[in-house]
Amino acid sequence: MKGDKQIIAQLNDVLKYLLTGINQYFLHSRMCENWGMDHLKKKDYDYSIYLMKASDKLIKRILFLEGLANLQDLGKLYIGEDVPQILAGNLKFDSELREALVKTIASCEKADDFISRECLESILEECEEQIDWLEAQQYLIDNAGLKNYLQSAV
């Protein structure tokens, strides 16, 4: 099925974010593992795997629309040097991903590409849950203190 070139370009833009996120979250997972932060390690690792599966879904959709999935274009990684920076970098990434998803979903709606829209909406839902979780972690650090937060994350 021949897809709209603008939609394919926007899907590739979302794919760029997903591929970037895989790397960022995977590295953060390994950093947390090295520091003994098992809870954060598992959360970041699981999300990196989710982003990989979401990328796979999006690649299949782009190919179905007779587009070429661009796996060479990656965005900036927001790598933290400590736990608060990791959370802030992940929040920045997910906020940018959310913005790209909302924009592309609106374009899919206008182009009557409801299958692509549905695929992106499921990614958006997971992204918003991740943003909510990250904001909750920052709230805990702000209100319980970093030492208490880190002690509970071990």
N, C-alpha and C. Protein backbone atom coordinates (compact mmCIF):
# COMPACT_ATOMS: atom_id res chain seq x y z
N MET A 1 0.85 -1.18 0.00
CA MET A 1 0.00 0.00 0.00
C MET A 1 0.89 1.24 0.00
N LYS A 2 0.69 2.10 -0.96
CA LYS A 2 1.49 3.31 -1.08
C LYS A 2 1.02 4.33 -0.04
N GLY A 3 1.93 4.72 0.85
CA GLY A 3 1.59 5.66 1.91
C GLY A 3 1.93 7.09 1.53
N ASP A 4 1.38 8.01 2.29
CA ASP A 4 1.64 9.44 2.13
C ASP A 4 3.10 9.72 2.52
N LYS A 5 3.84 10.40 1.65
CA LYS A 5 5.27 10.65 1.89
C LYS A 5 5.50 11.48 3.15
N GLN A 6 4.61 12.42 3.43
CA GLN A 6 4.75 13.25 4.62
C GLN A 6 4.55 12.39 5.88
N ILE A 7 3.58 11.50 5.84
CA ILE A 7 3.33 10.62 6.99
C ILE A 7 4.53 9.69 7.21
N ILE A 8 5.07 9.15 6.13
CA ILE A 8 6.24 8.27 6.24
C ILE A 8 7.41 9.03 6.85
N ALA A 9 7.61 10.28 6.43
CA ALA A 9 8.70 11.11 6.99
C ALA A 9 8.49 11.34 8.48
N GLN A 10 7.24 11.61 8.87
CA GLN A 10 6.97 11.83 10.29
C GLN A 10 7.10 10.53 11.10
N LEU A 11 6.71 9.42 10.51
CA LEU A 11 6.90 8.13 11.18
C LEU A 11 8.39 7.86 11.38
N ASN A 12 9.20 8.21 10.40
CA ASN A 12 10.65 8.06 10.54
C ASN A 12 11.21 8.99 11.62
N ASP A 13 10.59 10.16 11.78
CA ASP A 13 11.02 11.07 12.85
C ASP A 13 10.75 10.44 14.22
N VAL A 14 9.58 9.84 14.37
CA VAL A 14 9.25 9.15 15.62
C VAL A 14 10.20 7.97 15.81
N LEU A 15 10.50 7.25 14.74
CA LEU A 15 11.43 6.12 14.81
C LEU A 15 12.79 6.58 15.30
N LYS A 16 13.23 7.74 14.85
CA LYS A 16 14.51 8.30 15.31
C LYS A 16 14.52 8.44 16.82
N TYR A 17 13.43 8.95 17.38
CA TYR A 17 13.34 9.09 18.83
C TYR A 17 13.37 7.73 19.52
N LEU A 18 12.62 6.78 18.98
CA LEU A 18 12.58 5.46 19.61
C LEU A 18 13.95 4.80 19.62
N LEU A 19 14.66 4.88 18.50
CA LEU A 19 15.99 4.27 18.41
C LEU A 19 16.98 4.97 19.34
N THR A 20 16.86 6.27 19.46
CA THR A 20 17.71 7.03 20.38
C THR A 20 17.41 6.60 21.82
N GLY A 21 16.14 6.48 22.13
CA GLY A 21 15.73 6.10 23.48
C GLY A 21 16.22 4.72 23.89
N ILE A 22 16.25 3.79 22.94
CA ILE A 22 16.77 2.45 23.24
C ILE A 22 18.17 2.58 23.81
N ASN A 23 19.02 3.33 23.12
CA ASN A 23 20.41 3.49 23.54
C ASN A 23 20.52 4.21 24.89
N GLN A 24 19.76 5.28 25.04
CA GLN A 24 19.83 6.06 26.28
C GLN A 24 19.39 5.23 27.48
N TYR A 25 18.23 4.62 27.36
CA TYR A 25 17.71 3.84 28.49
C TYR A 25 18.56 2.60 28.77
N PHE A 26 19.11 1.98 27.73
CA PHE A 26 19.96 0.81 27.95
C PHE A 26 21.23 1.20 28.69
N LEU A 27 21.85 2.30 28.27
CA LEU A 27 23.06 2.76 28.96
C LEU A 27 22.75 3.14 30.40
N HIS A 28 21.65 3.86 30.61
CA HIS A 28 21.27 4.22 31.98
C HIS A 28 21.01 2.97 32.83
N SER A 29 20.44 1.95 32.23
CA SER A 29 20.19 0.70 32.94
C SER A 29 21.51 0.09 33.41
N ARG A 30 22.47 0.06 32.53
CA ARG A 30 23.77 -0.52 32.89
C ARG A 30 24.49 0.33 33.93
N MET A 31 24.34 1.63 33.84
CA MET A 31 24.96 2.51 34.86
C MET A 31 24.33 2.25 36.22
N CYS A 32 23.01 2.15 36.27
CA CYS A 32 22.32 1.89 37.54
C CYS A 32 22.69 0.52 38.09
N GLU A 33 22.84 -0.45 37.21
CA GLU A 33 23.27 -1.78 37.65
C GLU A 33 24.65 -1.70 38.29
N ASN A 34 25.54 -0.95 37.67
CA ASN A 34 26.90 -0.79 38.19
C ASN A 34 26.90 -0.12 39.56
N TRP A 35 25.96 0.77 39.81
CA TRP A 35 25.86 1.48 41.09
C TRP A 35 25.05 0.71 42.12
N GLY A 36 24.48 -0.44 41.74
CA GLY A 36 23.68 -1.23 42.67
C GLY A 36 22.24 -0.76 42.81
N MET A 37 21.79 0.06 41.90
CA MET A 37 20.41 0.57 41.93
C MET A 37 19.51 -0.37 41.11
N ASP A 38 19.20 -1.51 41.72
CA ASP A 38 18.50 -2.58 41.00
C ASP A 38 17.12 -2.17 40.49
N HIS A 39 16.37 -1.42 41.29
CA HIS A 39 15.03 -1.01 40.87
C HIS A 39 15.10 -0.11 39.63
N LEU A 40 16.00 0.86 39.64
CA LEU A 40 16.15 1.77 38.49
C LEU A 40 16.73 1.03 37.29
N LYS A 41 17.63 0.10 37.56
CA LYS A 41 18.21 -0.70 36.47
C LYS A 41 17.11 -1.46 35.74
N LYS A 42 16.25 -2.12 36.49
CA LYS A 42 15.18 -2.92 35.87
C LYS A 42 14.19 -2.03 35.12
N LYS A 43 13.83 -0.90 35.71
CA LYS A 43 12.86 0.01 35.08
C LYS A 43 13.41 0.53 33.74
N ASP A 44 14.67 0.97 33.74
CA ASP A 44 15.27 1.49 32.50
C ASP A 44 15.48 0.38 31.47
N TYR A 45 15.90 -0.79 31.93
CA TYR A 45 16.11 -1.90 31.01
C TYR A 45 14.79 -2.31 30.35
N ASP A 46 13.76 -2.46 31.15
CA ASP A 46 12.45 -2.85 30.61
C ASP A 46 11.93 -1.82 29.61
N TYR A 47 12.15 -0.54 29.91
CA TYR A 47 11.68 0.50 28.98
C TYR A 47 12.49 0.48 27.69
N SER A 48 13.79 0.18 27.77
CA SER A 48 14.59 0.10 26.55
C SER A 48 14.10 -1.05 25.67
N ILE A 49 13.70 -2.14 26.29
CA ILE A 49 13.15 -3.28 25.53
C ILE A 49 11.80 -2.89 24.92
N TYR A 50 10.98 -2.18 25.69
CA TYR A 50 9.70 -1.71 25.15
C TYR A 50 9.93 -0.82 23.92
N LEU A 51 10.90 0.11 24.03
CA LEU A 51 11.19 1.00 22.90
C LEU A 51 11.66 0.21 21.68
N MET A 52 12.39 -0.88 21.92
CA MET A 52 12.84 -1.73 20.81
C MET A 52 11.65 -2.39 20.13
N LYS A 53 10.71 -2.89 20.91
CA LYS A 53 9.52 -3.52 20.34
C LYS A 53 8.64 -2.49 19.62
N ALA A 54 8.54 -1.29 20.17
CA ALA A 54 7.77 -0.23 19.51
C ALA A 54 8.44 0.17 18.20
N SER A 55 9.77 0.20 18.19
CA SER A 55 10.51 0.50 16.95
C SER A 55 10.22 -0.54 15.89
N ASP A 56 10.20 -1.79 16.30
CA ASP A 56 9.92 -2.88 15.37
C ASP A 56 8.54 -2.72 14.74
N LYS A 57 7.55 -2.38 15.56
CA LYS A 57 6.19 -2.15 15.06
C LYS A 57 6.17 -1.01 14.04
N LEU A 58 6.88 0.05 14.37
CA LEU A 58 6.89 1.22 13.50
C LEU A 58 7.64 0.94 12.20
N ILE A 59 8.73 0.20 12.28
CA ILE A 59 9.48 -0.17 11.08
C ILE A 59 8.58 -0.99 10.15
N LYS A 60 7.85 -1.95 10.71
CA LYS A 60 6.94 -2.77 9.89
C LYS A 60 5.87 -1.90 9.23
N ARG A 61 5.37 -0.91 9.96
CA ARG A 61 4.34 -0.02 9.40
C ARG A 61 4.91 0.83 8.26
N ILE A 62 6.11 1.36 8.46
CA ILE A 62 6.75 2.17 7.41
C ILE A 62 6.97 1.33 6.16
N LEU A 63 7.45 0.11 6.34
CA LEU A 63 7.67 -0.77 5.19
C LEU A 63 6.36 -1.13 4.51
N PHE A 64 5.30 -1.35 5.28
CA PHE A 64 3.99 -1.64 4.71
C PHE A 64 3.50 -0.48 3.85
N LEU A 65 3.82 0.75 4.26
CA LEU A 65 3.42 1.93 3.50
C LEU A 65 4.36 2.20 2.32
N GLU A 66 5.25 1.22 2.03
CA GLU A 66 6.22 1.28 0.95
C GLU A 66 7.21 2.43 1.14
N GLY A 67 7.51 2.70 2.40
CA GLY A 67 8.55 3.67 2.73
C GLY A 67 9.81 2.93 3.12
N LEU A 68 10.86 3.69 3.37
CA LEU A 68 12.12 3.12 3.80
C LEU A 68 12.36 3.58 5.23
N ALA A 69 12.45 2.63 6.14
CA ALA A 69 12.69 2.95 7.54
C ALA A 69 14.14 3.39 7.71
N ASN A 70 14.32 4.56 8.28
CA ASN A 70 15.66 5.12 8.47
C ASN A 70 16.18 4.75 9.86
N LEU A 71 17.10 3.81 9.89
CA LEU A 71 17.69 3.39 11.15
C LEU A 71 19.06 4.03 11.39
N GLN A 72 19.48 4.90 10.49
CA GLN A 72 20.79 5.53 10.61
C GLN A 72 20.74 6.85 11.37
N ASP A 73 19.58 7.47 11.42
CA ASP A 73 19.44 8.78 12.04
C ASP A 73 19.11 8.62 13.52
N LEU A 74 20.00 9.07 14.36
CA LEU A 74 19.77 9.01 15.80
C LEU A 74 19.86 10.42 16.37
N GLY A 75 19.09 10.66 17.42
CA GLY A 75 19.10 11.96 18.07
C GLY A 75 20.14 12.02 19.18
N LYS A 76 20.10 13.11 19.92
CA LYS A 76 21.03 13.34 21.02
C LYS A 76 20.63 12.50 22.22
N LEU A 77 21.62 11.85 22.82
CA LEU A 77 21.41 11.11 24.05
C LEU A 77 21.58 12.06 25.23
N TYR A 78 20.67 12.00 26.18
CA TYR A 78 20.76 12.81 27.40
C TYR A 78 21.23 11.89 28.52
N ILE A 79 22.54 11.72 28.61
CA ILE A 79 23.13 10.79 29.57
C ILE A 79 23.44 11.52 30.86
N GLY A 80 22.96 10.97 31.96
CA GLY A 80 23.22 11.55 33.27
C GLY A 80 24.46 10.95 33.91
N GLU A 81 25.05 11.70 34.82
CA GLU A 81 26.22 11.21 35.54
C GLU A 81 25.87 10.73 36.94
N ASP A 82 24.64 10.98 37.37
CA ASP A 82 24.15 10.49 38.65
C ASP A 82 22.65 10.25 38.49
N VAL A 83 22.01 9.74 39.53
CA VAL A 83 20.61 9.36 39.43
C VAL A 83 19.69 10.54 39.09
N PRO A 84 19.81 11.69 39.77
CA PRO A 84 18.93 12.81 39.40
C PRO A 84 19.12 13.25 37.94
N GLN A 85 20.35 13.24 37.45
CA GLN A 85 20.60 13.61 36.06
C GLN A 85 20.04 12.57 35.09
N ILE A 86 20.11 11.31 35.47
CA ILE A 86 19.53 10.24 34.65
C ILE A 86 18.02 10.45 34.53
N LEU A 87 17.38 10.69 35.66
CA LEU A 87 15.93 10.91 35.64
C LEU A 87 15.58 12.14 34.81
N ALA A 88 16.35 13.22 34.96
CA ALA A 88 16.09 14.44 34.20
C ALA A 88 16.32 14.22 32.70
N GLY A 89 17.37 13.50 32.34
CA GLY A 89 17.64 13.20 30.93
C GLY A 89 16.56 12.34 30.32
N ASN A 90 16.11 11.35 31.08
CA ASN A 90 15.04 10.48 30.58
C ASN A 90 13.74 11.26 30.43
N LEU A 91 13.47 12.16 31.37
CA LEU A 91 12.26 12.98 31.28
C LEU A 91 12.33 13.90 30.06
N LYS A 92 13.49 14.47 29.82
CA LYS A 92 13.65 15.34 28.64
C LYS A 92 13.43 14.55 27.35
N PHE A 93 14.01 13.35 27.29
CA PHE A 93 13.82 12.50 26.12
C PHE A 93 12.35 12.17 25.91
N ASP A 94 11.69 11.70 26.97
CA ASP A 94 10.29 11.28 26.83
C ASP A 94 9.37 12.44 26.51
N SER A 95 9.69 13.63 27.01
CA SER A 95 8.88 14.81 26.67
C SER A 95 9.01 15.14 25.18
N GLU A 96 10.22 15.01 24.65
CA GLU A 96 10.43 15.24 23.21
C GLU A 96 9.74 14.17 22.38
N LEU A 97 9.83 12.93 22.84
CA LEU A 97 9.14 11.83 22.14
C LEU A 97 7.64 12.08 22.13
N ARG A 98 7.10 12.47 23.27
CA ARG A 98 5.66 12.74 23.37
C ARG A 98 5.25 13.83 22.38
N GLU A 99 6.03 14.88 22.29
CA GLU A 99 5.72 15.98 21.37
C GLU A 99 5.69 15.48 19.92
N ALA A 100 6.68 14.66 19.55
CA ALA A 100 6.72 14.11 18.19
C ALA A 100 5.53 13.18 17.93
N LEU A 101 5.17 12.40 18.93
CA LEU A 101 4.03 11.49 18.78
C LEU A 101 2.73 12.25 18.59
N VAL A 102 2.50 13.27 19.40
CA VAL A 102 1.26 14.05 19.31
C VAL A 102 1.16 14.70 17.92
N LYS A 103 2.25 15.26 17.44
CA LYS A 103 2.27 15.91 16.13
C LYS A 103 1.98 14.90 15.01
N THR A 104 2.60 13.74 15.09
CA THR A 104 2.43 12.73 14.05
C THR A 104 1.04 12.10 14.10
N ILE A 105 0.51 11.91 15.30
CA ILE A 105 -0.86 11.39 15.43
C ILE A 105 -1.85 12.34 14.77
N ALA A 106 -1.67 13.63 14.98
CA ALA A 106 -2.56 14.62 14.35
C ALA A 106 -2.45 14.56 12.83
N SER A 107 -1.24 14.39 12.32
CA SER A 107 -1.05 14.28 10.86
C SER A 107 -1.70 13.02 10.31
N CYS A 108 -1.58 11.93 11.04
CA CYS A 108 -2.21 10.67 10.61
C CYS A 108 -3.72 10.81 10.58
N GLU A 109 -4.26 11.51 11.56
CA GLU A 109 -5.70 11.75 11.62
C GLU A 109 -6.15 12.53 10.38
N LYS A 110 -5.42 13.58 10.04
CA LYS A 110 -5.77 14.41 8.87
C LYS A 110 -5.67 13.62 7.57
N ALA A 111 -4.69 12.70 7.52
CA ALA A 111 -4.48 11.91 6.30
C ALA A 111 -5.33 10.64 6.27
N ASP A 112 -6.21 10.47 7.25
CA ASP A 112 -7.06 9.28 7.36
C ASP A 112 -6.25 7.98 7.43
N ASP A 113 -5.06 8.06 8.04
CA ASP A 113 -4.24 6.87 8.25
C ASP A 113 -4.46 6.41 9.69
N PHE A 114 -5.56 5.70 9.86
CA PHE A 114 -6.00 5.33 11.21
C PHE A 114 -5.17 4.20 11.80
N ILE A 115 -4.58 3.36 10.97
CA ILE A 115 -3.74 2.27 11.47
C ILE A 115 -2.45 2.83 12.06
N SER A 116 -1.81 3.75 11.35
CA SER A 116 -0.60 4.38 11.88
C SER A 116 -0.93 5.16 13.15
N ARG A 117 -2.06 5.85 13.14
CA ARG A 117 -2.48 6.62 14.32
C ARG A 117 -2.63 5.69 15.53
N GLU A 118 -3.28 4.56 15.32
CA GLU A 118 -3.50 3.61 16.41
C GLU A 118 -2.17 3.08 16.96
N CYS A 119 -1.25 2.78 16.07
CA CYS A 119 0.08 2.31 16.47
C CYS A 119 0.78 3.37 17.33
N LEU A 120 0.71 4.61 16.89
CA LEU A 120 1.36 5.71 17.62
C LEU A 120 0.66 6.00 18.94
N GLU A 121 -0.65 5.86 18.98
CA GLU A 121 -1.38 6.11 20.22
C GLU A 121 -0.98 5.13 21.32
N SER A 122 -0.71 3.88 20.96
CA SER A 122 -0.28 2.92 21.98
C SER A 122 1.11 3.28 22.51
N ILE A 123 1.98 3.80 21.63
CA ILE A 123 3.30 4.25 22.07
C ILE A 123 3.16 5.49 22.95
N LEU A 124 2.25 6.38 22.57
CA LEU A 124 2.02 7.60 23.34
C LEU A 124 1.54 7.27 24.76
N GLU A 125 0.66 6.30 24.86
CA GLU A 125 0.15 5.91 26.18
C GLU A 125 1.29 5.45 27.09
N GLU A 126 2.16 4.61 26.56
CA GLU A 126 3.30 4.12 27.34
C GLU A 126 4.26 5.26 27.68
N CYS A 127 4.47 6.16 26.72
CA CYS A 127 5.35 7.31 26.92
C CYS A 127 4.82 8.20 28.05
N GLU A 128 3.54 8.44 28.06
CA GLU A 128 2.95 9.29 29.10
C GLU A 128 3.02 8.62 30.47
N GLU A 129 2.88 7.31 30.51
CA GLU A 129 3.05 6.59 31.78
C GLU A 129 4.49 6.73 32.28
N GLN A 130 5.43 6.66 31.35
CA GLN A 130 6.85 6.81 31.72
C GLN A 130 7.12 8.22 32.24
N ILE A 131 6.57 9.22 31.58
CA ILE A 131 6.73 10.61 32.04
C ILE A 131 6.17 10.76 33.45
N ASP A 132 5.01 10.19 33.68
CA ASP A 132 4.38 10.26 35.01
C ASP A 132 5.28 9.60 36.06
N TRP A 133 5.84 8.44 35.74
CA TRP A 133 6.72 7.74 36.67
C TRP A 133 7.97 8.56 36.96
N LEU A 134 8.57 9.14 35.91
CA LEU A 134 9.78 9.94 36.10
C LEU A 134 9.50 11.17 36.97
N GLU A 135 8.37 11.82 36.73
CA GLU A 135 8.01 12.98 37.54
C GLU A 135 7.78 12.57 38.99
N ALA A 136 7.22 11.40 39.21
CA ALA A 136 7.02 10.90 40.57
C ALA A 136 8.36 10.65 41.26
N GLN A 137 9.34 10.14 40.51
CA GLN A 137 10.66 9.90 41.10
C GLN A 137 11.33 11.22 41.48
N GLN A 138 11.18 12.22 40.62
CA GLN A 138 11.75 13.54 40.94
C GLN A 138 11.05 14.14 42.16
N TYR A 139 9.75 13.94 42.27
CA TYR A 139 9.00 14.41 43.44
C TYR A 139 9.52 13.74 44.71
N LEU A 140 9.75 12.43 44.63
CA LEU A 140 10.27 11.70 45.79
C LEU A 140 11.64 12.23 46.21
N ILE A 141 12.50 12.49 45.25
CA ILE A 141 13.83 13.02 45.57
C ILE A 141 13.70 14.39 46.23
N ASP A 142 12.84 15.23 45.67
CA ASP A 142 12.65 16.58 46.21
C ASP A 142 12.08 16.55 47.63
N ASN A 143 11.19 15.61 47.92
CA ASN A 143 10.49 15.61 49.19
C ASN A 143 11.06 14.66 50.24
N ALA A 144 11.69 13.57 49.81
CA ALA A 144 12.28 12.64 50.77
C ALA A 144 13.78 12.84 50.90
N GLY A 145 14.36 13.54 49.95
CA GLY A 145 15.81 13.73 49.94
C GLY A 145 16.48 12.67 49.09
N LEU A 146 17.58 13.06 48.48
CA LEU A 146 18.30 12.16 47.58
C LEU A 146 18.81 10.92 48.32
N LYS A 147 19.37 11.10 49.52
CA LYS A 147 19.92 9.95 50.26
C LYS A 147 18.84 8.92 50.55
N ASN A 148 17.68 9.37 51.01
CA ASN A 148 16.59 8.43 51.29
C ASN A 148 16.09 7.76 50.03
N TYR A 149 16.00 8.52 48.94
CA TYR A 149 15.55 7.96 47.67
C TYR A 149 16.52 6.88 47.20
N LEU A 150 17.81 7.18 47.22
CA LEU A 150 18.81 6.22 46.76
C LEU A 150 18.83 4.98 47.63
N GLN A 151 18.66 5.16 48.93
CA GLN A 151 18.62 4.02 49.84
C GLN A 151 17.44 3.11 49.50
N SER A 152 16.31 3.69 49.15
CA SER A 152 15.15 2.87 48.82
C SER A 152 15.27 2.22 47.44
N ALA A 153 16.14 2.76 46.58
CA ALA A 153 16.30 2.21 45.22
C ALA A 153 17.31 1.10 45.16
N VAL A 154 18.04 0.86 46.25
CA VAL A 154 19.07 -0.19 46.25
C VAL A 154 18.41 -1.55 46.37
